[in-house]
Amino acid sequence: MHLRLIWVGRTRSEPLRVLVEDYLKRLARFGRCEITELREATNGGDRKAILETEGKRIIEALRPDSFVVLLER
C-alpha cells in the first residue's frame, strides 16, 4: 500500500509537525507513506478563486490510479 497525504500550505506549527511525523511512522508499518504540501494560492484575496486554484493543484498532484478520501475542516 502507498499512502500519500496531500494538503495545501506548510505545517508551520512545531507541535503539529511532531504529531504528523509520529503518525507517519505509525502508518509506515502498513506501507509506504509520504506527504505532499502544496503552495497556498493568493489570487488577490478572492476566496472563490483561491479555492478553485488550490483545488486544481490538488487534482494535478493526484495519480490516475489514486483512491481519494477528502477531509475538510
N, C-alpha and C. Protein backbone atom coordinates (compact mmCIF):
# COMPACT_ATOMS: atom_id res chain seq x y z
N MET A 1 0.84 -1.18 0.00
CA MET A 1 0.00 0.00 0.00
C MET A 1 0.89 1.24 0.00
N HIS A 2 0.47 2.23 -0.74
CA HIS A 2 1.17 3.51 -0.78
C HIS A 2 0.18 4.58 -0.35
N LEU A 3 0.48 5.25 0.74
CA LEU A 3 -0.39 6.30 1.26
C LEU A 3 0.27 7.65 1.02
N ARG A 4 -0.46 8.51 0.35
CA ARG A 4 0.06 9.84 0.05
C ARG A 4 -0.92 10.88 0.56
N LEU A 5 -0.48 11.69 1.50
CA LEU A 5 -1.31 12.74 2.07
C LEU A 5 -0.98 14.05 1.35
N ILE A 6 -2.01 14.70 0.82
CA ILE A 6 -1.82 15.94 0.08
C ILE A 6 -2.62 17.03 0.79
N TRP A 7 -1.95 18.14 1.09
CA TRP A 7 -2.68 19.27 1.63
C TRP A 7 -2.05 20.57 1.18
N VAL A 8 -2.84 21.63 1.32
CA VAL A 8 -2.39 22.95 0.90
C VAL A 8 -1.80 23.67 2.10
N GLY A 9 -0.64 24.25 1.91
CA GLY A 9 0.01 25.01 2.97
C GLY A 9 1.05 24.18 3.70
N ARG A 10 1.98 24.88 4.30
CA ARG A 10 3.03 24.22 5.06
C ARG A 10 2.59 24.07 6.51
N THR A 11 3.12 23.05 7.15
CA THR A 11 2.84 22.84 8.56
C THR A 11 3.88 23.65 9.34
N ARG A 12 3.48 24.81 9.80
CA ARG A 12 4.42 25.71 10.47
C ARG A 12 4.51 25.45 11.98
N SER A 13 3.45 24.94 12.55
CA SER A 13 3.41 24.69 13.98
C SER A 13 4.30 23.49 14.32
N GLU A 14 5.30 23.71 15.15
CA GLU A 14 6.22 22.63 15.51
C GLU A 14 5.51 21.48 16.24
N PRO A 15 4.62 21.74 17.20
CA PRO A 15 3.92 20.62 17.84
C PRO A 15 3.10 19.80 16.84
N LEU A 16 2.46 20.47 15.89
CA LEU A 16 1.69 19.75 14.88
C LEU A 16 2.60 18.95 13.96
N ARG A 17 3.74 19.52 13.62
CA ARG A 17 4.71 18.82 12.76
C ARG A 17 5.20 17.54 13.45
N VAL A 18 5.43 17.61 14.76
CA VAL A 18 5.86 16.43 15.52
C VAL A 18 4.77 15.35 15.48
N LEU A 19 3.52 15.76 15.64
CA LEU A 19 2.41 14.80 15.59
C LEU A 19 2.29 14.16 14.21
N VAL A 20 2.47 14.94 13.16
CA VAL A 20 2.40 14.40 11.80
C VAL A 20 3.50 13.37 11.59
N GLU A 21 4.71 13.68 12.02
CA GLU A 21 5.82 12.75 11.87
C GLU A 21 5.57 11.45 12.64
N ASP A 22 5.03 11.57 13.85
CA ASP A 22 4.71 10.38 14.64
C ASP A 22 3.65 9.53 13.93
N TYR A 23 2.64 10.17 13.41
CA TYR A 23 1.57 9.47 12.70
C TYR A 23 2.11 8.74 11.47
N LEU A 24 3.00 9.40 10.73
CA LEU A 24 3.60 8.77 9.56
C LEU A 24 4.43 7.55 9.94
N LYS A 25 5.15 7.63 11.04
CA LYS A 25 5.93 6.47 11.50
C LYS A 25 5.02 5.30 11.81
N ARG A 26 3.89 5.58 12.43
CA ARG A 26 2.94 4.52 12.76
C ARG A 26 2.34 3.90 11.50
N LEU A 27 2.01 4.75 10.53
CA LEU A 27 1.43 4.26 9.28
C LEU A 27 2.43 3.49 8.43
N ALA A 28 3.71 3.79 8.58
CA ALA A 28 4.75 3.16 7.77
C ALA A 28 4.79 1.65 7.95
N ARG A 29 4.25 1.15 9.05
CA ARG A 29 4.20 -0.31 9.25
C ARG A 29 3.32 -0.98 8.21
N PHE A 30 2.37 -0.23 7.66
CA PHE A 30 1.42 -0.79 6.71
C PHE A 30 1.79 -0.56 5.26
N GLY A 31 2.78 0.27 5.02
CA GLY A 31 3.21 0.55 3.65
C GLY A 31 3.92 1.89 3.57
N ARG A 32 4.24 2.25 2.36
CA ARG A 32 4.97 3.49 2.12
C ARG A 32 4.06 4.71 2.32
N CYS A 33 4.57 5.73 2.99
CA CYS A 33 3.79 6.94 3.26
C CYS A 33 4.60 8.16 2.85
N GLU A 34 3.90 9.15 2.35
CA GLU A 34 4.56 10.41 2.01
C GLU A 34 3.58 11.56 2.15
N ILE A 35 4.13 12.75 2.31
CA ILE A 35 3.33 13.97 2.42
C ILE A 35 3.69 14.88 1.26
N THR A 36 2.67 15.47 0.67
CA THR A 36 2.88 16.48 -0.36
C THR A 36 2.18 17.75 0.11
N GLU A 37 2.97 18.78 0.39
CA GLU A 37 2.42 20.07 0.79
C GLU A 37 2.43 20.98 -0.43
N LEU A 38 1.26 21.45 -0.81
CA LEU A 38 1.14 22.31 -1.98
C LEU A 38 1.17 23.78 -1.56
N ARG A 39 1.69 24.60 -2.43
CA ARG A 39 1.78 26.03 -2.17
C ARG A 39 0.38 26.64 -2.10
N GLU A 40 0.18 27.52 -1.14
CA GLU A 40 -1.11 28.20 -0.99
C GLU A 40 -1.29 29.21 -2.12
N ALA A 41 -2.52 29.32 -2.61
CA ALA A 41 -2.83 30.30 -3.65
C ALA A 41 -3.16 31.64 -2.99
N THR A 42 -2.92 32.72 -3.70
CA THR A 42 -3.26 34.04 -3.17
C THR A 42 -4.37 34.68 -3.99
N ASN A 43 -4.26 34.69 -5.30
CA ASN A 43 -5.28 35.20 -6.22
C ASN A 43 -5.94 36.50 -5.76
N GLY A 44 -5.19 37.38 -5.18
CA GLY A 44 -5.72 38.69 -4.79
C GLY A 44 -6.74 38.67 -3.68
N GLY A 45 -6.83 37.59 -2.93
CA GLY A 45 -7.73 37.54 -1.80
C GLY A 45 -9.15 37.09 -2.12
N ASP A 46 -9.45 36.79 -3.39
CA ASP A 46 -10.78 36.32 -3.77
C ASP A 46 -10.92 34.86 -3.35
N ARG A 47 -11.72 34.60 -2.31
CA ARG A 47 -11.82 33.26 -1.73
C ARG A 47 -12.22 32.19 -2.75
N LYS A 48 -13.17 32.50 -3.60
CA LYS A 48 -13.63 31.52 -4.59
C LYS A 48 -12.50 31.17 -5.55
N ALA A 49 -11.77 32.17 -6.02
CA ALA A 49 -10.65 31.93 -6.94
C ALA A 49 -9.53 31.16 -6.25
N ILE A 50 -9.29 31.46 -4.98
CA ILE A 50 -8.25 30.76 -4.22
C ILE A 50 -8.60 29.27 -4.11
N LEU A 51 -9.84 28.98 -3.73
CA LEU A 51 -10.26 27.58 -3.58
C LEU A 51 -10.20 26.84 -4.92
N GLU A 52 -10.57 27.52 -5.99
CA GLU A 52 -10.52 26.90 -7.31
C GLU A 52 -9.08 26.58 -7.72
N THR A 53 -8.17 27.53 -7.50
CA THR A 53 -6.76 27.31 -7.83
C THR A 53 -6.17 26.18 -7.00
N GLU A 54 -6.44 26.19 -5.71
CA GLU A 54 -5.91 25.14 -4.84
C GLU A 54 -6.50 23.78 -5.19
N GLY A 55 -7.78 23.75 -5.55
CA GLY A 55 -8.41 22.51 -5.97
C GLY A 55 -7.75 21.94 -7.22
N LYS A 56 -7.44 22.81 -8.17
CA LYS A 56 -6.75 22.36 -9.39
C LYS A 56 -5.38 21.80 -9.07
N ARG A 57 -4.67 22.44 -8.15
CA ARG A 57 -3.34 21.95 -7.76
C ARG A 57 -3.43 20.57 -7.11
N ILE A 58 -4.45 20.37 -6.30
CA ILE A 58 -4.63 19.06 -5.66
C ILE A 58 -4.90 18.00 -6.72
N ILE A 59 -5.79 18.30 -7.65
CA ILE A 59 -6.11 17.35 -8.72
C ILE A 59 -4.87 17.02 -9.55
N GLU A 60 -4.05 18.03 -9.84
CA GLU A 60 -2.83 17.80 -10.61
C GLU A 60 -1.84 16.92 -9.84
N ALA A 61 -1.88 16.97 -8.52
CA ALA A 61 -0.95 16.18 -7.70
C ALA A 61 -1.39 14.72 -7.59
N LEU A 62 -2.64 14.42 -7.95
CA LEU A 62 -3.14 13.05 -7.86
C LEU A 62 -2.62 12.20 -9.01
N ARG A 63 -2.48 10.94 -8.74
CA ARG A 63 -2.11 9.99 -9.79
C ARG A 63 -3.39 9.37 -10.35
N PRO A 64 -3.37 8.91 -11.59
CA PRO A 64 -4.60 8.38 -12.22
C PRO A 64 -5.24 7.22 -11.46
N ASP A 65 -4.45 6.42 -10.79
CA ASP A 65 -5.00 5.25 -10.10
C ASP A 65 -5.24 5.50 -8.60
N SER A 66 -5.30 6.76 -8.21
CA SER A 66 -5.47 7.11 -6.80
C SER A 66 -6.87 6.82 -6.30
N PHE A 67 -6.94 6.38 -5.06
CA PHE A 67 -8.20 6.27 -4.33
C PHE A 67 -8.23 7.51 -3.44
N VAL A 68 -9.24 8.35 -3.59
CA VAL A 68 -9.25 9.65 -2.94
C VAL A 68 -10.22 9.66 -1.77
N VAL A 69 -9.74 10.20 -0.64
CA VAL A 69 -10.58 10.45 0.53
C VAL A 69 -10.42 11.92 0.85
N LEU A 70 -11.52 12.64 0.88
CA LEU A 70 -11.47 14.08 1.12
C LEU A 70 -11.83 14.37 2.56
N LEU A 71 -10.98 15.12 3.23
CA LEU A 71 -11.25 15.59 4.58
C LEU A 71 -11.24 17.10 4.54
N GLU A 72 -12.23 17.71 5.13
CA GLU A 72 -12.26 19.17 5.18
C GLU A 72 -12.58 19.61 6.59
N ARG A 73 -12.19 20.83 6.88
CA ARG A 73 -12.48 21.33 8.22
C ARG A 73 -13.55 22.37 8.18
